[in-house]
Amino acid sequence: MNLLIVDDEELTREGLLGSIDWNSLGIHNIYQADDGMNGLALAKKYRPEIILSDVRMPRMNGIEMAEKIRETVPDSHIIFMSGYSDKEYLKAAIRLKAISYVEKPLMPAEVEEAIREAISSDKILKLSRDSASRHLQEASGKLALKVTYPISDEGISSIEKDFAALGIQTRPSAYFVTVMIKIVGGMHSLENEHQENLPASLGAIIGQHRLHGIYASKQDEYLIYHIFSPEKPASSQMRKLAEAFSGCLSFCPCFYIAIGKTVSGPAKIFDSYNSAVILLQSSFFYECGTILETGKEPANKVPGFLEAVVPAIHEALSSKNRQETDNAAAKLYASLAGNRSVLPNHAKDLYYKLFMELYEAASANYIKLPETDGGFETILDHISRSSNLSSLHQLLRSKIELFFTALEEGTEKNSTVFLIEDYIGRNYQNENLSVKDISEHVFLSSTYVCTVFKNETGRTLNQYLTEYRMEKAKKLLLDPRYKITDISAKVGYSDGNYFGKTLKSTQAFHLLNTGSRM
């Protein structure tokens, strides 16, 4: 498979080449271009399946280049990269059938995910071409996806024929509304029964509301319904339909529903779809289960406080002022909740900085905050996985509460004990971790370290290390994906048998199912 990287920054291009294992993805030929003009020339020459392109570049920008590439390499899968949140670029990306839109600064994991998505789309495209016949549902899904792109005047008759082939007669004056459902975690995260029955259940609801629709799924995470009716549906009718959808999704932990604008004629379905996509861009800032509607945008919140929140939190924590810390965090949440102008990654970055300020303040006061399944790295993972602002803010509030409770109760640890426990927390996976390593870290003798730790905690260093490792093992045992050998290695044991004996002495041994974990 061929890949073309187009970016005017050499550092970005080289960084992409070195940060992803392209061979493992099945990409063996990679070409580079430093602007849109050169990118277009290389695309015509090598006809890459995937194009990873910057948006703003000299001579010819990424949008212009993609438009011209579509004329000669229509089946290429385009992924745009940009640090800008201009909605016009998002609209253009959708219009050009871009497979994804990756925000800068680039995260290798996000780029790799977009590439995998493009590879998957390419495979689907090739398989569909080889298919001699399609079932009615497949044809409906194809049409549902087809109308998510702009339709030319010449293409209108083709769309009408596609509808007719499905037994659907649409008038040029018929009204259409796109309703999109975002399943956080993807359809694959649902039980098989729900995956199989959900489309039919939602289709039945459409009929119950005296409406018609065609359906398609996209990227595993999105369900797209193009609703149509000879009469213009009232906004209240569409709201009731969305509420019925919501009731049908009660088994889903987190989802969002976006109602696009009402349009007239099949040629305008793209406009309704486009408006629904833009609504879902802001779903992160709403509670799970929210129904987003066009024409009901909140007053644009001034994001001026966003840049000042980190210094404000830093000052409040440094002065140990709980009220000011709570106020700053609450003000940040109020500024972001329900907004449609700030990008989710910008908000996540702000919250990550606040968590770091909090952990640094805790460290400075010899307070050990309970981990979110393991240190800073897991905090970052938690932020990345957060489906909405509310869950992220609740975690921040809980950590702030723990910090100030520890301050008020005077539960600060002895500085030496704190440093020891912190070091163990960051190095417990090292099977060779020893008392000597720990004592060298705190610049004290091994004998003194053991004595201080025993006097302060009532446990020896080795007891604490073993207990710490077993607590980590308990959490891993709850995940059936991990084998015993994997778990033992992750918690610092190279000998699986010894790990098993140690585990057997704890209450977690009942979690061990050796038959399925060997």
Protein backbone atom coordinates (compact mmCIF):
# COMPACT_ATOMS: atom_id res chain seq x y z
CA MET A 1 0.00 0.00 0.00
CA ASN A 2 1.24 3.51 -0.86
CA LEU A 3 1.17 6.55 1.43
CA LEU A 4 1.79 10.19 0.52
CA ILE A 5 2.73 12.68 3.28
CA VAL A 6 2.29 16.34 2.34
CA ASP A 7 3.48 18.98 4.81
CA ASP A 8 5.66 22.07 4.40
CA GLU A 9 7.42 21.32 7.71
CA GLU A 10 10.21 18.79 7.26
CA LEU A 11 10.27 18.14 11.01
CA THR A 12 6.63 17.03 10.89
CA ARG A 13 7.24 14.72 7.94
CA GLU A 14 10.32 13.15 9.50
CA GLY A 15 8.53 12.82 12.82
CA LEU A 16 5.70 10.89 11.20
CA LEU A 17 8.14 8.59 9.44
CA GLY A 18 9.97 7.75 12.64
CA SER A 19 7.13 7.52 15.16
CA ILE A 20 4.93 4.88 13.49
CA ASP A 21 5.68 1.29 12.47
CA TRP A 22 4.43 1.63 8.90
CA ASN A 23 5.45 -1.87 7.82
CA SER A 24 3.23 -3.43 10.46
CA LEU A 25 0.32 -1.47 9.01
CA GLY A 26 0.98 -2.85 5.55
CA ILE A 27 2.33 0.43 4.16
CA HIS A 28 5.59 -0.21 2.33
CA ASN A 29 5.94 2.81 0.01
CA ILE A 30 5.96 6.30 1.51
CA TYR A 31 6.36 9.47 -0.55
CA GLN A 32 6.91 13.01 0.74
CA ALA A 33 5.98 16.43 -0.61
CA ASP A 34 6.64 19.87 0.89
CA ASP A 35 3.61 21.68 -0.56
CA GLY A 36 0.34 21.10 -2.41
CA MET A 37 1.82 21.47 -5.89
CA ASN A 38 4.43 18.78 -5.33
CA GLY A 39 1.87 16.66 -3.50
CA LEU A 40 -0.46 16.78 -6.52
CA ALA A 41 2.36 15.75 -8.85
CA LEU A 42 3.32 12.78 -6.68
CA ALA A 43 -0.32 11.73 -6.29
CA LYS A 44 -0.75 11.63 -10.08
CA LYS A 45 2.46 9.64 -10.45
CA TYR A 46 2.10 7.06 -7.69
CA ARG A 47 -1.70 7.05 -7.06
CA PRO A 48 -1.39 6.46 -3.28
CA GLU A 49 -4.22 4.76 -1.44
CA ILE A 50 -3.75 7.10 1.55
CA ILE A 51 -2.82 10.80 1.62
CA LEU A 52 -1.81 12.45 4.92
CA SER A 53 -1.83 16.20 4.27
CA ASP A 54 -1.43 19.49 6.10
CA VAL A 55 -4.14 22.08 5.40
CA ARG A 56 -2.25 25.37 5.30
CA MET A 57 0.76 25.25 2.96
CA PRO A 58 2.47 27.60 0.49
CA ARG A 59 1.67 27.65 -3.26
CA MET A 60 -1.31 25.30 -2.95
CA ASN A 61 -3.07 24.46 0.32
CA GLY A 62 -4.25 21.00 1.27
CA ILE A 63 -7.91 21.61 0.39
CA GLU A 64 -7.07 22.83 -3.13
CA MET A 65 -4.68 19.93 -3.63
CA ALA A 66 -7.29 17.41 -2.47
CA GLU A 67 -9.88 18.85 -4.86
CA LYS A 68 -7.54 18.30 -7.80
CA ILE A 69 -6.45 14.87 -6.59
CA ARG A 70 -10.10 13.81 -6.47
CA GLU A 71 -10.22 14.37 -10.25
CA THR A 72 -7.43 11.88 -10.99
CA VAL A 73 -7.27 9.62 -7.92
CA PRO A 74 -10.88 9.64 -6.71
CA ASP A 75 -10.52 6.63 -4.44
CA SER A 76 -7.60 7.88 -2.37
CA HIS A 77 -8.31 8.21 1.34
CA ILE A 78 -7.42 11.68 2.61
CA ILE A 79 -6.50 12.52 6.19
CA PHE A 80 -6.07 16.22 6.96
CA MET A 81 -3.73 17.54 9.66
CA SER A 82 -4.22 21.00 11.11
CA GLY A 83 -3.79 23.04 14.25
CA TYR A 84 -6.68 25.30 13.32
CA SER A 85 -10.32 24.87 14.34
CA ASP A 86 -11.85 26.76 11.40
CA LYS A 87 -15.24 25.19 10.67
CA GLU A 88 -14.82 25.98 6.98
CA TYR A 89 -11.86 23.60 6.86
CA LEU A 90 -13.94 20.95 8.62
CA LYS A 91 -16.71 21.42 6.07
CA ALA A 92 -14.22 21.23 3.22
CA ALA A 93 -12.73 18.06 4.69
CA ILE A 94 -16.17 16.46 4.79
CA ARG A 95 -16.97 17.62 1.26
CA LEU A 96 -13.76 16.04 -0.02
CA LYS A 97 -14.58 12.73 1.67
CA ALA A 98 -11.66 13.09 4.07
CA ILE A 99 -11.43 9.93 6.14
CA SER A 100 -10.30 11.89 9.22
CA TYR A 101 -9.15 15.26 10.54
CA VAL A 102 -6.18 15.03 12.94
CA GLU A 103 -5.43 18.01 15.15
CA LYS A 104 -1.93 19.41 15.60
CA PRO A 105 0.25 19.03 17.57
CA LEU A 106 0.14 15.48 16.28
CA MET A 107 -0.09 12.48 18.58
CA PRO A 108 1.34 9.32 16.93
CA ALA A 109 -1.49 7.21 18.38
CA GLU A 110 -4.14 9.47 16.82
CA VAL A 111 -2.38 9.46 13.45
CA GLU A 112 -2.02 5.68 13.54
CA GLU A 113 -5.72 5.33 14.39
CA ALA A 114 -6.65 7.52 11.42
CA ILE A 115 -4.33 5.49 9.16
CA ARG A 116 -5.90 2.25 10.34
CA GLU A 117 -9.30 3.74 9.62
CA ALA A 118 -8.16 4.66 6.11
CA ILE A 119 -6.75 1.17 5.55
CA SER A 120 -10.03 -0.31 6.72
CA SER A 121 -11.99 1.98 4.41
CA ASP A 122 -9.72 1.05 1.52
CA LYS A 123 -10.29 -2.65 2.13
CA ILE A 124 -14.03 -2.11 2.32
CA LEU A 125 -13.97 -0.16 -0.91
CA LYS A 126 -12.07 -2.92 -2.73
CA LEU A 127 -14.29 -5.66 -1.34
CA SER A 128 -17.42 -3.79 -2.40
CA ARG A 129 -16.12 -3.59 -5.97
CA ASP A 130 -15.62 -7.33 -6.05
CA SER A 131 -19.10 -8.02 -4.79
CA ALA A 132 -21.41 -9.14 -7.61
CA SER A 133 -24.63 -8.45 -5.77
CA ARG A 134 -25.82 -6.56 -2.76
CA HIS A 135 -28.71 -7.12 -0.46
CA LEU A 136 -31.35 -4.44 -0.01
CA GLN A 137 -29.87 -3.36 3.30
CA GLU A 138 -26.42 -3.00 1.80
CA ALA A 139 -27.82 -0.93 -1.07
CA SER A 140 -29.64 1.27 1.41
CA GLY A 141 -26.48 1.74 3.44
CA LYS A 142 -24.51 2.61 0.35
CA LEU A 143 -27.06 5.22 -0.65
CA ALA A 144 -27.12 6.60 2.89
CA LEU A 145 -23.37 7.12 2.73
CA LYS A 146 -23.49 8.41 -0.85
CA VAL A 147 -25.77 11.30 0.05
CA THR A 148 -23.40 12.43 2.80
CA TYR A 149 -21.35 14.03 0.02
CA PRO A 150 -22.37 16.93 -2.22
CA ILE A 151 -24.53 15.96 -5.18
CA SER A 152 -24.02 17.67 -8.53
CA ASP A 153 -26.92 18.61 -10.79
CA GLU A 154 -26.00 15.67 -13.01
CA GLY A 155 -25.98 13.32 -10.03
CA ILE A 156 -29.53 14.08 -8.88
CA SER A 157 -31.11 11.69 -11.38
CA SER A 158 -28.72 8.96 -10.23
CA ILE A 159 -29.75 9.48 -6.62
CA GLU A 160 -33.42 9.33 -7.57
CA LYS A 161 -32.77 6.04 -9.38
CA ASP A 162 -31.00 4.68 -6.31
CA PHE A 163 -34.00 5.55 -4.16
CA ALA A 164 -36.31 3.95 -6.73
CA ALA A 165 -34.19 0.79 -6.72
CA LEU A 166 -34.94 0.54 -3.01
CA GLY A 167 -38.66 0.90 -3.71
CA ILE A 168 -38.69 4.48 -2.41
CA GLN A 169 -40.35 7.17 -4.51
CA THR A 170 -39.11 10.63 -3.49
CA ARG A 171 -40.47 13.88 -4.80
CA PRO A 172 -38.07 16.72 -5.62
CA SER A 173 -39.85 18.69 -2.90
CA ALA A 174 -39.52 15.99 -0.23
CA TYR A 175 -37.99 17.05 3.08
CA PHE A 176 -34.93 15.41 4.61
CA VAL A 177 -33.32 15.56 8.06
CA THR A 178 -30.13 13.70 9.02
CA VAL A 179 -30.07 12.30 12.54
CA MET A 180 -26.68 11.02 13.71
CA ILE A 181 -26.02 8.86 16.74
CA LYS A 182 -22.56 8.70 18.26
CA ILE A 183 -21.92 5.51 20.25
CA VAL A 184 -19.00 6.32 22.54
CA GLY A 185 -16.70 3.31 22.49
CA GLY A 186 -18.13 2.09 19.19
CA MET A 187 -20.75 -0.49 18.27
CA HIS A 188 -18.23 -3.27 18.96
CA SER A 189 -18.31 -2.36 22.66
CA LEU A 190 -21.99 -3.34 22.87
CA GLU A 191 -23.26 -6.85 23.43
CA ASN A 192 -23.76 -8.83 20.22
CA GLU A 193 -27.52 -8.90 20.69
CA HIS A 194 -27.69 -5.11 20.83
CA GLN A 195 -25.37 -4.73 17.85
CA GLU A 196 -27.60 -6.95 15.75
CA ASN A 197 -30.98 -5.58 16.84
CA LEU A 198 -30.31 -1.86 17.21
CA PRO A 199 -30.65 -0.81 13.52
CA ALA A 200 -33.96 -2.64 13.18
CA SER A 201 -35.27 -1.20 16.45
CA LEU A 202 -34.41 2.35 15.42
CA GLY A 203 -35.93 1.74 11.99
CA ALA A 204 -39.17 0.63 13.62
CA ILE A 205 -39.26 3.83 15.67
CA ILE A 206 -38.97 5.89 12.48
CA GLY A 207 -42.02 4.10 11.08
CA GLN A 208 -43.96 4.63 14.29
CA HIS A 209 -43.47 8.37 13.85
CA ARG A 210 -44.92 8.20 10.32
CA LEU A 211 -41.55 8.95 8.77
CA HIS A 212 -39.19 7.10 6.42
CA GLY A 213 -35.43 6.72 6.46
CA ILE A 214 -32.30 5.07 5.13
CA TYR A 215 -29.46 4.04 7.39
CA ALA A 216 -25.69 3.55 7.38
CA SER A 217 -22.99 3.08 9.99
CA LYS A 218 -19.62 4.80 9.79
CA GLN A 219 -16.34 4.23 11.60
CA ASP A 220 -18.09 1.81 14.00
CA GLU A 221 -18.97 4.78 16.19
CA TYR A 222 -21.63 6.56 14.14
CA LEU A 223 -25.13 5.59 13.04
CA ILE A 224 -26.49 7.82 10.27
CA TYR A 225 -30.22 8.07 9.57
CA HIS A 226 -31.50 10.20 6.71
CA ILE A 227 -35.14 10.82 7.62
CA PHE A 228 -37.53 11.96 4.89
CA SER A 229 -41.19 12.90 4.52
CA PRO A 230 -43.41 14.52 1.86
CA GLU A 231 -44.42 17.10 4.48
CA LYS A 232 -41.97 19.27 6.37
CA PRO A 233 -41.49 17.69 9.80
CA ALA A 234 -41.91 20.04 12.73
CA SER A 235 -38.89 20.52 14.98
CA SER A 236 -40.98 19.10 17.83
CA GLN A 237 -41.60 15.95 15.77
CA MET A 238 -37.88 15.48 15.18
CA ARG A 239 -37.22 16.09 18.87
CA LYS A 240 -39.71 13.38 19.81
CA LEU A 241 -38.07 11.01 17.33
CA ALA A 242 -34.66 11.69 18.86
CA GLU A 243 -36.08 11.16 22.34
CA ALA A 244 -37.50 7.82 21.21
CA PHE A 245 -34.08 6.92 19.83
CA SER A 246 -32.62 7.85 23.20
CA GLY A 247 -35.01 5.51 24.99
CA CYS A 248 -34.01 2.69 22.64
CA LEU A 249 -30.35 3.31 23.54
CA SER A 250 -30.83 2.98 27.30
CA PHE A 251 -28.45 -0.01 27.37
CA CYS A 252 -25.64 2.13 25.93
CA PRO A 253 -23.34 3.66 28.60
CA CYS A 254 -22.74 6.86 26.65
CA PHE A 255 -24.16 8.23 23.41
CA TYR A 256 -25.09 11.50 21.73
CA ILE A 257 -27.77 12.33 19.18
CA ALA A 258 -27.47 15.21 16.69
CA ILE A 259 -30.41 16.48 14.63
CA GLY A 260 -29.29 18.17 11.42
CA LYS A 261 -31.19 20.99 9.79
CA THR A 262 -34.26 20.29 7.65
CA VAL A 263 -33.63 20.52 3.89
CA SER A 264 -35.74 20.18 0.76
CA GLY A 265 -34.83 17.67 -1.95
CA PRO A 266 -32.32 14.78 -1.99
CA ALA A 267 -29.62 17.03 -3.42
CA LYS A 268 -29.52 18.91 -0.11
CA ILE A 269 -29.16 15.89 2.19
CA PHE A 270 -25.45 16.66 2.46
CA ASP A 271 -26.24 20.03 4.05
CA SER A 272 -28.31 18.35 6.76
CA TYR A 273 -25.64 15.71 7.33
CA ASN A 274 -22.93 18.36 7.47
CA SER A 275 -24.81 20.31 10.14
CA ALA A 276 -25.22 17.14 12.23
CA VAL A 277 -21.49 16.37 11.97
CA ILE A 278 -20.61 19.87 13.17
CA LEU A 279 -22.97 19.46 16.13
CA LEU A 280 -21.22 16.24 17.14
CA GLN A 281 -17.86 18.02 17.09
CA SER A 282 -18.96 19.66 20.34
CA SER A 283 -20.53 16.59 21.99
CA PHE A 284 -17.54 16.32 24.37
CA PHE A 285 -18.79 19.40 26.19
CA TYR A 286 -22.21 17.89 26.96
CA GLU A 287 -23.48 15.13 29.23
CA CYS A 288 -23.96 11.63 27.84
CA GLY A 289 -27.39 11.21 26.28
CA THR A 290 -27.65 14.84 25.17
CA ILE A 291 -29.71 15.59 22.06
CA LEU A 292 -28.00 18.34 20.04
CA GLU A 293 -30.08 20.48 17.71
CA THR A 294 -29.28 23.17 15.17
CA GLY A 295 -30.54 26.65 15.88
CA LYS A 296 -30.16 26.12 19.62
CA GLU A 297 -26.54 27.10 20.04
CA PRO A 298 -25.65 28.63 23.41
CA ALA A 299 -24.33 32.15 23.59
CA ASN A 300 -20.69 32.06 22.53
CA LYS A 301 -18.62 31.96 25.71
CA VAL A 302 -15.56 34.17 25.86
CA PRO A 303 -12.60 31.79 26.34
CA GLY A 304 -10.37 34.49 27.81
CA PHE A 305 -10.26 32.78 31.21
CA LEU A 306 -8.93 29.57 29.68
CA GLU A 307 -5.38 30.87 29.36
CA ALA A 308 -5.42 32.21 32.92
CA VAL A 309 -6.78 29.12 34.64
CA VAL A 310 -3.46 27.25 35.04
CA PRO A 311 -1.68 30.18 36.78
CA ALA A 312 -4.80 30.72 38.90
CA ILE A 313 -4.86 27.09 40.04
CA HIS A 314 -1.10 27.16 40.65
CA GLU A 315 -1.40 30.23 42.87
CA ALA A 316 -4.38 28.82 44.77
CA LEU A 317 -2.65 25.49 45.42
CA SER A 318 0.62 27.17 46.40
CA SER A 319 -1.20 29.31 48.94
CA LYS A 320 -3.26 26.28 50.05
CA ASN A 321 -6.46 28.21 49.38
CA ARG A 322 -9.22 25.66 48.91
CA GLN A 323 -11.92 28.19 48.04
CA GLU A 324 -9.86 29.81 45.30
CA THR A 325 -8.90 26.39 43.89
CA ASP A 326 -12.54 25.29 43.79
CA ASN A 327 -13.60 28.60 42.27
CA ALA A 328 -10.98 28.45 39.51
CA ALA A 329 -11.90 24.85 38.63
CA ALA A 330 -15.62 25.67 38.66
CA LYS A 331 -15.07 28.72 36.48
CA LEU A 332 -13.14 26.64 33.96
CA TYR A 333 -15.92 24.06 33.81
CA ALA A 334 -18.58 26.75 33.40
CA SER A 335 -16.55 28.32 30.58
CA LEU A 336 -16.27 25.04 28.70
CA ALA A 337 -19.55 23.23 29.38
CA GLY A 338 -21.96 23.44 26.47
CA ASN A 339 -19.62 25.50 24.30
CA ARG A 340 -19.24 24.97 20.56
CA SER A 341 -16.11 26.98 19.88
CA VAL A 342 -13.28 25.24 21.78
CA LEU A 343 -11.79 21.99 20.46
CA PRO A 344 -11.99 18.96 22.80
CA ASN A 345 -8.21 18.42 22.67
CA HIS A 346 -7.63 21.99 23.85
CA ALA A 347 -9.87 21.37 26.85
CA LYS A 348 -8.17 18.04 27.61
CA ASP A 349 -4.77 19.72 27.47
CA LEU A 350 -5.91 22.32 30.01
CA TYR A 351 -7.18 19.65 32.38
CA TYR A 352 -3.95 17.67 32.04
CA LYS A 353 -2.02 20.78 33.09
CA LEU A 354 -4.31 21.21 36.10
CA PHE A 355 -3.75 17.59 37.16
CA MET A 356 0.00 18.14 36.92
CA GLU A 357 -0.25 21.28 39.07
CA LEU A 358 -2.22 19.30 41.64
CA TYR A 359 0.24 16.39 41.73
CA GLU A 360 3.18 18.79 42.01
CA ALA A 361 1.49 20.58 44.92
CA ALA A 362 0.84 17.23 46.59
CA SER A 363 4.46 16.21 46.12
CA ALA A 364 5.68 19.52 47.56
CA ASN A 365 3.58 18.88 50.67
CA TYR A 366 4.54 15.18 50.92
CA ILE A 367 0.98 14.10 50.18
CA LYS A 368 0.44 10.95 48.12
CA LEU A 369 -2.77 11.21 46.15
CA PRO A 370 -4.45 7.87 45.39
CA GLU A 371 -3.58 6.82 41.88
CA THR A 372 -6.04 6.47 39.03
CA ASP A 373 -4.83 2.92 38.37
CA GLY A 374 -1.27 4.15 38.24
CA GLY A 375 0.49 7.50 38.20
CA PHE A 376 0.79 10.28 35.67
CA GLU A 377 0.72 8.05 32.62
CA THR A 378 -2.67 6.69 33.56
CA ILE A 379 -3.97 10.18 34.27
CA LEU A 380 -3.03 11.05 30.70
CA ASP A 381 -4.68 7.86 29.44
CA HIS A 382 -7.81 8.68 31.44
CA ILE A 383 -7.94 12.16 29.94
CA SER A 384 -7.47 10.81 26.42
CA ARG A 385 -10.27 8.28 26.92
CA SER A 386 -12.69 10.72 28.53
CA SER A 387 -15.90 10.82 26.54
CA ASN A 388 -17.05 14.12 27.98
CA LEU A 389 -16.05 17.13 30.02
CA SER A 390 -18.21 16.16 32.99
CA SER A 391 -16.36 12.92 33.78
CA LEU A 392 -13.03 14.70 33.44
CA HIS A 393 -14.10 17.50 35.77
CA GLN A 394 -15.46 15.07 38.36
CA LEU A 395 -12.06 13.36 38.52
CA LEU A 396 -10.32 16.72 38.98
CA ARG A 397 -12.72 17.70 41.77
CA SER A 398 -12.18 14.40 43.56
CA LYS A 399 -8.39 14.87 43.46
CA ILE A 400 -8.70 18.44 44.74
CA GLU A 401 -10.91 17.18 47.58
CA LEU A 402 -8.37 14.52 48.53
CA PHE A 403 -5.52 17.03 48.46
CA PHE A 404 -7.15 19.56 50.78
CA THR A 405 -8.56 16.88 53.08
CA ALA A 406 -5.02 15.57 53.54
CA LEU A 407 -3.81 19.10 54.29
CA GLU A 408 -6.57 19.74 56.84
CA GLU A 409 -6.13 16.41 58.57
CA GLY A 410 -2.37 16.80 58.69
CA THR A 411 -1.84 13.49 56.93
CA GLU A 412 1.29 14.61 55.14
CA LYS A 413 3.78 11.80 55.03
CA ASN A 414 7.28 11.87 56.43
CA SER A 415 9.35 13.31 53.57
CA THR A 416 11.61 10.25 53.41
CA VAL A 417 8.67 7.84 53.43
CA PHE A 418 6.93 9.89 50.76
CA LEU A 419 9.98 9.79 48.49
CA ILE A 420 10.36 6.04 49.05
CA GLU A 421 6.72 5.27 48.22
CA ASP A 422 6.80 7.57 45.23
CA TYR A 423 9.92 5.84 43.91
CA ILE A 424 8.37 2.41 44.38
CA GLY A 425 5.22 3.57 42.60
CA ARG A 426 7.29 4.53 39.57
CA ASN A 427 9.61 1.51 39.57
CA TYR A 428 7.68 -1.47 40.97
CA GLN A 429 7.66 -3.11 37.51
CA ASN A 430 11.45 -3.47 37.69
CA GLU A 431 12.07 -7.02 38.90
CA ASN A 432 15.54 -5.98 40.13
CA LEU A 433 14.28 -3.15 42.34
CA SER A 434 16.12 -3.42 45.65
CA VAL A 435 16.49 -1.68 49.00
CA LYS A 436 19.88 -0.47 47.77
CA ASP A 437 18.24 1.24 44.77
CA ILE A 438 15.70 2.91 47.02
CA SER A 439 18.26 4.09 49.57
CA GLU A 440 20.46 5.55 46.83
CA HIS A 441 17.46 7.43 45.47
CA VAL A 442 16.84 9.17 48.81
CA PHE A 443 20.60 9.58 49.53
CA LEU A 444 20.46 7.63 52.78
CA SER A 445 21.98 4.38 53.98
CA SER A 446 20.02 1.17 53.51
CA THR A 447 19.91 0.54 57.25
CA TYR A 448 18.56 4.01 58.03
CA VAL A 449 15.97 3.81 55.25
CA CYS A 450 14.66 0.47 56.50
CA THR A 451 14.48 1.74 60.08
CA VAL A 452 12.67 4.98 59.22
CA PHE A 453 10.19 3.23 56.94
CA LYS A 454 9.43 0.54 59.53
CA ASN A 455 8.96 3.10 62.32
CA GLU A 456 6.69 5.32 60.22
CA THR A 457 4.55 2.67 58.49
CA GLY A 458 4.79 -0.43 60.65
CA ARG A 459 5.90 -2.44 57.62
CA THR A 460 9.25 -3.37 56.19
CA LEU A 461 10.24 -2.08 52.79
CA ASN A 462 9.97 -5.54 51.27
CA GLN A 463 6.52 -6.04 52.76
CA TYR A 464 5.35 -2.75 51.31
CA LEU A 465 6.82 -3.54 47.88
CA THR A 466 5.16 -6.97 47.80
CA GLU A 467 1.80 -5.57 48.90
CA TYR A 468 2.04 -2.79 46.35
CA ARG A 469 2.77 -5.26 43.55
CA MET A 470 -0.09 -7.51 44.64
CA GLU A 471 -2.54 -4.59 44.60
CA LYS A 472 -1.49 -3.85 41.02
CA ALA A 473 -1.85 -7.54 40.16
CA LYS A 474 -5.41 -7.60 41.55
CA LYS A 475 -6.47 -4.90 39.12
CA LEU A 476 -4.86 -6.69 36.19
CA LEU A 477 -6.52 -9.97 37.17
CA LEU A 478 -9.90 -8.35 36.58
CA ASP A 479 -9.02 -7.98 32.90
CA PRO A 480 -9.42 -11.37 31.15
CA ARG A 481 -7.13 -10.28 28.31
CA TYR A 482 -4.02 -10.71 30.45
CA LYS A 483 -2.37 -14.08 31.03
CA ILE A 484 -0.59 -14.91 34.27
CA THR A 485 2.81 -14.52 32.61
CA ASP A 486 1.80 -11.07 31.37
CA ILE A 487 0.59 -9.98 34.79
CA SER A 488 3.64 -11.28 36.64
CA ALA A 489 5.95 -9.40 34.26
CA LYS A 490 3.93 -6.20 34.61
CA VAL A 491 4.27 -6.20 38.39
CA GLY A 492 7.96 -7.07 38.59
CA TYR A 493 8.08 -10.88 38.71
CA SER A 494 10.06 -12.82 36.10
CA ASP A 495 9.20 -16.15 37.74
CA GLY A 496 5.51 -16.91 37.16
CA ASN A 497 5.50 -19.75 39.70
CA TYR A 498 6.89 -17.53 42.45
CA PHE A 499 4.36 -14.86 41.52
CA GLY A 500 1.56 -17.43 41.79
CA LYS A 501 2.71 -18.52 45.25
CA THR A 502 2.89 -14.91 46.41
CA LEU A 503 -0.53 -14.19 44.96
CA LYS A 504 -1.97 -17.28 46.63
CA SER A 505 -1.24 -15.75 50.01
CA THR A 506 -3.50 -12.78 49.23
CA GLN A 507 -7.28 -12.49 49.01
CA ALA A 508 -6.96 -11.95 45.26
CA PHE A 509 -6.20 -15.60 44.53
CA HIS A 510 -9.89 -16.34 43.86
CA LEU A 511 -9.63 -14.03 40.81
CA LEU A 512 -7.12 -16.40 39.24
CA ASN A 513 -8.59 -18.71 36.63
CA THR A 514 -5.55 -20.66 35.53
CA GLY A 515 -7.47 -22.58 32.89
CA SER A 516 -8.08 -19.48 30.79
CA ARG A 517 -4.98 -17.52 31.67
CA MET A 518 -2.05 -19.82 30.95
